[in-house]
């Protein structure tokens, strides 16, 4: 009889974990990303030249759509697919930060949406894990530049991206 209770407890524990993981990926994570994008968009609405911001938004939409069509990894759209754009006045450049769901993972990138140059990218299989599969920062927007460096976390990636998306 004890063996049956033990099996029932294990099955219930696995079921609870499965429901929690499903909730995270189906409900919480997409809502969280959408809220993040909306919040950042609202923060930028009060800053900068609106014509530059508008043009940047159009350029970023074009960039994102072309990237999604050209990406082998984005065969199917995911709830975590999305982007935010920002015209950085001090650099006089239009930047896009976008994400793409890949299987059970997610990919983020910061790029100049006009020139198409990459500034940072991060990918990991389970977004709640601390260590990404890869994370690379290209300070000059040049993936072949010798000063590119690996980053070790989403926080390091976000800290690098922030000045490009807020000035």
C-alpha atoms as a PDB file:
ATOM      1  CA  UNK A   1       0.000   0.000   0.000  1.00  0.00           C
ATOM      2  CA  UNK A   2       2.875   2.396   0.792  1.00  0.00           C
ATOM      3  CA  UNK A   3       4.305   1.824  -2.673  1.00  0.00           C
ATOM      4  CA  UNK A   4       1.045   2.932  -4.309  1.00  0.00           C
ATOM      5  CA  UNK A   5       0.949   6.145  -2.243  1.00  0.00           C
ATOM      6  CA  UNK A   6       4.546   6.840  -3.162  1.00  0.00           C
ATOM      7  CA  UNK A   7       3.748   6.402  -6.863  1.00  0.00           C
ATOM      8  CA  UNK A   8       0.677   8.639  -6.543  1.00  0.00           C
ATOM      9  CA  UNK A   9       2.723  11.356  -4.828  1.00  0.00           C
ATOM     10  CA  UNK A  10       5.395  11.183  -7.548  1.00  0.00           C
ATOM     11  CA  UNK A  11       2.783  11.364 -10.320  1.00  0.00           C
ATOM     12  CA  UNK A  12       1.106  14.351  -8.631  1.00  0.00           C
ATOM     13  CA  UNK A  13       4.454  16.121  -8.204  1.00  0.00           C
ATOM     14  CA  UNK A  14       5.305  15.589 -11.881  1.00  0.00           C
ATOM     15  CA  UNK A  15       1.844  16.812 -12.865  1.00  0.00           C
ATOM     16  CA  UNK A  16       2.211  19.968 -10.759  1.00  0.00           C
ATOM     17  CA  UNK A  17       5.622  20.693 -12.299  1.00  0.00           C
ATOM     18  CA  UNK A  18       4.258  20.115 -15.826  1.00  0.00           C
ATOM     19  CA  UNK A  19       1.323  22.463 -15.206  1.00  0.00           C
ATOM     20  CA  UNK A  20       3.660  25.115 -13.756  1.00  0.00           C
ATOM     21  CA  UNK A  21       6.025  24.932 -16.723  1.00  0.00           C
ATOM     22  CA  UNK A  22       3.105  25.075 -19.164  1.00  0.00           C
ATOM     23  CA  UNK A  23       1.677  28.105 -17.375  1.00  0.00           C
ATOM     24  CA  UNK A  24       5.048  29.844 -17.541  1.00  0.00           C
ATOM     25  CA  UNK A  25       5.547  29.349 -21.289  1.00  0.00           C
ATOM     26  CA  UNK A  26       1.930  29.676 -22.430  1.00  0.00           C
ATOM     27  CA  UNK A  27       0.589  32.434 -20.189  1.00  0.00           C
ATOM     28  CA  UNK A  28       3.166  34.230 -18.030  1.00  0.00           C
ATOM     29  CA  UNK A  29       6.183  34.609 -20.346  1.00  0.00           C
ATOM     30  CA  UNK A  30       4.292  36.037 -23.374  1.00  0.00           C
ATOM     31  CA  UNK A  31       2.390  38.482 -21.128  1.00  0.00           C
ATOM     32  CA  UNK A  32       5.615  39.484 -19.371  1.00  0.00           C
ATOM     33  CA  UNK A  33       7.383  40.172 -22.699  1.00  0.00           C
ATOM     34  CA  UNK A  34       4.409  42.139 -24.009  1.00  0.00           C
ATOM     35  CA  UNK A  35       4.280  44.230 -20.821  1.00  0.00           C
ATOM     36  CA  UNK A  36       8.032  44.878 -21.082  1.00  0.00           C
ATOM     37  CA  UNK A  37       7.730  46.051 -24.684  1.00  0.00           C
ATOM     38  CA  UNK A  38       4.737  48.291 -23.906  1.00  0.00           C
ATOM     39  CA  UNK A  39       6.464  49.798 -20.864  1.00  0.00           C
ATOM     40  CA  UNK A  40       9.631  50.578 -22.817  1.00  0.00           C
ATOM     41  CA  UNK A  41       7.606  51.981 -25.704  1.00  0.00           C
ATOM     42  CA  UNK A  42       5.728  54.284 -23.307  1.00  0.00           C
ATOM     43  CA  UNK A  43       8.978  55.439 -21.694  1.00  0.00           C
ATOM     44  CA  UNK A  44      10.346  56.404 -25.091  1.00  0.00           C
ATOM     45  CA  UNK A  45       7.163  58.163 -26.208  1.00  0.00           C
ATOM     46  CA  UNK A  46       8.051  61.189 -24.098  1.00  0.00           C
ATOM     47  CA  UNK A  47      11.609  61.467 -25.361  1.00  0.00           C
ATOM     48  CA  UNK A  48      13.229  62.454 -28.605  1.00  0.00           C
ATOM     49  CA  UNK A  49      12.222  63.765 -31.955  1.00  0.00           C
ATOM     50  CA  UNK A  50       8.957  62.107 -32.972  1.00  0.00           C
ATOM     51  CA  UNK A  51       9.769  62.084 -36.696  1.00  0.00           C
ATOM     52  CA  UNK A  52      13.024  60.205 -36.007  1.00  0.00           C
ATOM     53  CA  UNK A  53      11.202  57.844 -33.652  1.00  0.00           C
ATOM     54  CA  UNK A  54       8.478  57.251 -36.248  1.00  0.00           C
ATOM     55  CA  UNK A  55      10.981  56.549 -39.020  1.00  0.00           C
ATOM     56  CA  UNK A  56      12.917  54.285 -36.680  1.00  0.00           C
ATOM     57  CA  UNK A  57       9.733  52.366 -35.872  1.00  0.00           C
ATOM     58  CA  UNK A  58       9.069  51.846 -39.599  1.00  0.00           C
ATOM     59  CA  UNK A  59      12.670  50.789 -40.275  1.00  0.00           C
ATOM     60  CA  UNK A  60      12.564  48.401 -37.335  1.00  0.00           C
ATOM     61  CA  UNK A  61       9.311  46.842 -38.534  1.00  0.00           C
ATOM     62  CA  UNK A  62      10.872  46.237 -41.954  1.00  0.00           C
ATOM     63  CA  UNK A  63      14.055  44.852 -40.380  1.00  0.00           C
ATOM     64  CA  UNK A  64      12.129  42.516 -38.081  1.00  0.00           C
ATOM     65  CA  UNK A  65       9.881  41.226 -40.868  1.00  0.00           C
ATOM     66  CA  UNK A  66      12.875  40.584 -43.150  1.00  0.00           C
ATOM     67  CA  UNK A  67      14.787  38.881 -40.331  1.00  0.00           C
ATOM     68  CA  UNK A  68      11.815  36.653 -39.457  1.00  0.00           C
ATOM     69  CA  UNK A  69      11.399  35.613 -43.099  1.00  0.00           C
ATOM     70  CA  UNK A  70      15.128  34.963 -43.510  1.00  0.00           C
ATOM     71  CA  UNK A  71      15.745  33.142 -40.253  1.00  0.00           C
ATOM     72  CA  UNK A  72      15.988  29.377 -40.479  1.00  0.00           C
ATOM     73  CA  UNK A  73      15.275  29.141 -36.751  1.00  0.00           C
ATOM     74  CA  UNK A  74      12.015  31.056 -37.018  1.00  0.00           C
ATOM     75  CA  UNK A  75      10.108  28.539 -39.091  1.00  0.00           C
ATOM     76  CA  UNK A  76       7.069  29.061 -36.911  1.00  0.00           C
ATOM     77  CA  UNK A  77       6.110  32.180 -35.031  1.00  0.00           C
ATOM     78  CA  UNK A  78       6.150  32.006 -31.273  1.00  0.00           C
ATOM     79  CA  UNK A  79       4.369  33.977 -28.559  1.00  0.00           C
ATOM     80  CA  UNK A  80       7.751  35.376 -27.527  1.00  0.00           C
ATOM     81  CA  UNK A  81       8.483  36.822 -30.991  1.00  0.00           C
ATOM     82  CA  UNK A  82       8.530  40.583 -30.868  1.00  0.00           C
ATOM     83  CA  UNK A  83      10.631  43.702 -30.961  1.00  0.00           C
ATOM     84  CA  UNK A  84      11.047  47.224 -29.684  1.00  0.00           C
ATOM     85  CA  UNK A  85      12.715  50.052 -31.544  1.00  0.00           C
ATOM     86  CA  UNK A  86      14.440  53.189 -30.339  1.00  0.00           C
ATOM     87  CA  UNK A  87      16.066  56.111 -32.111  1.00  0.00           C
ATOM     88  CA  UNK A  88      19.204  56.865 -30.104  1.00  0.00           C
ATOM     89  CA  UNK A  89      19.727  60.614 -30.482  1.00  0.00           C
ATOM     90  CA  UNK A  90      23.277  60.699 -29.137  1.00  0.00           C
ATOM     91  CA  UNK A  91      24.416  58.036 -31.633  1.00  0.00           C
ATOM     92  CA  UNK A  92      21.975  59.153 -34.357  1.00  0.00           C
ATOM     93  CA  UNK A  93      21.056  55.519 -34.989  1.00  0.00           C
ATOM     94  CA  UNK A  94      17.930  53.422 -34.962  1.00  0.00           C
ATOM     95  CA  UNK A  95      18.197  50.314 -32.794  1.00  0.00           C
ATOM     96  CA  UNK A  96      15.958  47.291 -32.531  1.00  0.00           C
ATOM     97  CA  UNK A  97      15.897  44.718 -29.757  1.00  0.00           C
ATOM     98  CA  UNK A  98      14.003  41.649 -30.817  1.00  0.00           C
ATOM     99  CA  UNK A  99      13.236  38.198 -29.574  1.00  0.00           C
ATOM    100  CA  UNK A 100      12.359  34.958 -31.264  1.00  0.00           C
ATOM    101  CA  UNK A 101      11.093  31.795 -29.603  1.00  0.00           C
ATOM    102  CA  UNK A 102      13.071  28.776 -30.733  1.00  0.00           C
ATOM    103  CA  UNK A 103      11.627  25.461 -29.575  1.00  0.00           C
ATOM    104  CA  UNK A 104      11.815  25.590 -25.774  1.00  0.00           C
ATOM    105  CA  UNK A 105      14.292  28.457 -25.911  1.00  0.00           C
ATOM    106  CA  UNK A 106      14.497  32.080 -26.846  1.00  0.00           C
ATOM    107  CA  UNK A 107      16.882  34.287 -28.831  1.00  0.00           C
ATOM    108  CA  UNK A 108      17.409  38.032 -28.309  1.00  0.00           C
ATOM    109  CA  UNK A 109      19.402  40.425 -30.456  1.00  0.00           C
ATOM    110  CA  UNK A 110      20.269  44.118 -30.507  1.00  0.00           C
ATOM    111  CA  UNK A 111      20.900  45.531 -33.970  1.00  0.00           C
ATOM    112  CA  UNK A 112      21.048  48.757 -35.942  1.00  0.00           C
ATOM    113  CA  UNK A 113      17.823  48.378 -37.922  1.00  0.00           C
ATOM    114  CA  UNK A 114      19.002  50.612 -40.779  1.00  0.00           C
ATOM    115  CA  UNK A 115      22.541  49.293 -41.263  1.00  0.00           C
ATOM    116  CA  UNK A 116      21.636  45.750 -40.195  1.00  0.00           C
ATOM    117  CA  UNK A 117      24.666  45.459 -37.921  1.00  0.00           C
ATOM    118  CA  UNK A 118      24.498  43.326 -34.789  1.00  0.00           C
ATOM    119  CA  UNK A 119      25.508  44.707 -31.398  1.00  0.00           C
ATOM    120  CA  UNK A 120      24.612  41.810 -29.114  1.00  0.00           C
ATOM    121  CA  UNK A 121      22.927  38.425 -29.173  1.00  0.00           C
ATOM    122  CA  UNK A 122      21.950  35.854 -26.587  1.00  0.00           C
ATOM    123  CA  UNK A 123      20.280  32.464 -26.865  1.00  0.00           C
ATOM    124  CA  UNK A 124      19.351  29.879 -24.311  1.00  0.00           C
ATOM    125  CA  UNK A 125      17.224  26.753 -24.342  1.00  0.00           C
ATOM    126  CA  UNK A 126      15.268  27.440 -21.171  1.00  0.00           C
ATOM    127  CA  UNK A 127      14.763  31.182 -20.482  1.00  0.00           C
ATOM    128  CA  UNK A 128      14.674  30.628 -16.737  1.00  0.00           C
ATOM    129  CA  UNK A 129      18.165  29.096 -16.688  1.00  0.00           C
ATOM    130  CA  UNK A 130      21.042  31.290 -15.544  1.00  0.00           C
ATOM    131  CA  UNK A 131      23.574  30.339 -18.204  1.00  0.00           C
ATOM    132  CA  UNK A 132      22.809  31.012 -21.868  1.00  0.00           C
ATOM    133  CA  UNK A 133      23.903  28.716 -24.692  1.00  0.00           C
ATOM    134  CA  UNK A 134      25.749  31.693 -26.075  1.00  0.00           C
ATOM    135  CA  UNK A 135      25.915  35.399 -25.437  1.00  0.00           C
ATOM    136  CA  UNK A 136      28.104  37.737 -27.464  1.00  0.00           C
ATOM    137  CA  UNK A 137      28.533  41.508 -27.372  1.00  0.00           C
ATOM    138  CA  UNK A 138      29.882  43.496 -30.335  1.00  0.00           C
ATOM    139  CA  UNK A 139      30.609  47.015 -28.980  1.00  0.00           C
ATOM    140  CA  UNK A 140      31.348  48.473 -32.428  1.00  0.00           C
ATOM    141  CA  UNK A 141      28.416  46.770 -34.148  1.00  0.00           C
ATOM    142  CA  UNK A 142      30.819  44.552 -36.058  1.00  0.00           C
ATOM    143  CA  UNK A 143      30.645  40.783 -35.521  1.00  0.00           C
ATOM    144  CA  UNK A 144      34.167  40.331 -36.921  1.00  0.00           C
ATOM    145  CA  UNK A 145      35.703  42.961 -34.638  1.00  0.00           C
ATOM    146  CA  UNK A 146      38.410  41.675 -32.331  1.00  0.00           C
ATOM    147  CA  UNK A 147      36.920  43.496 -29.317  1.00  0.00           C
ATOM    148  CA  UNK A 148      33.753  41.408 -29.327  1.00  0.00           C
ATOM    149  CA  UNK A 149      33.337  39.508 -26.086  1.00  0.00           C
ATOM    150  CA  UNK A 150      31.283  36.752 -24.589  1.00  0.00           C
ATOM    151  CA  UNK A 151      28.786  37.572 -21.888  1.00  0.00           C
ATOM    152  CA  UNK A 152      27.641  35.131 -19.270  1.00  0.00           C
ATOM    153  CA  UNK A 153      24.090  36.147 -18.365  1.00  0.00           C
ATOM    154  CA  UNK A 154      20.906  37.911 -19.442  1.00  0.00           C
ATOM    155  CA  UNK A 155      21.720  40.637 -16.910  1.00  0.00           C
ATOM    156  CA  UNK A 156      25.064  41.323 -18.587  1.00  0.00           C
ATOM    157  CA  UNK A 157      23.320  41.359 -21.975  1.00  0.00           C
ATOM    158  CA  UNK A 158      20.613  43.745 -20.679  1.00  0.00           C
ATOM    159  CA  UNK A 159      23.212  46.060 -19.105  1.00  0.00           C
ATOM    160  CA  UNK A 160      25.012  46.292 -22.446  1.00  0.00           C
ATOM    161  CA  UNK A 161      21.767  46.897 -24.396  1.00  0.00           C
ATOM    162  CA  UNK A 162      20.263  49.511 -22.056  1.00  0.00           C
ATOM    163  CA  UNK A 163      22.301  52.577 -23.135  1.00  0.00           C
ATOM    164  CA  UNK A 164      21.538  51.896 -26.800  1.00  0.00           C
ATOM    165  CA  UNK A 165      17.808  51.693 -26.104  1.00  0.00           C
ATOM    166  CA  UNK A 166      17.465  54.660 -23.724  1.00  0.00           C
ATOM    167  CA  UNK A 167      19.593  57.616 -24.961  1.00  0.00           C
END
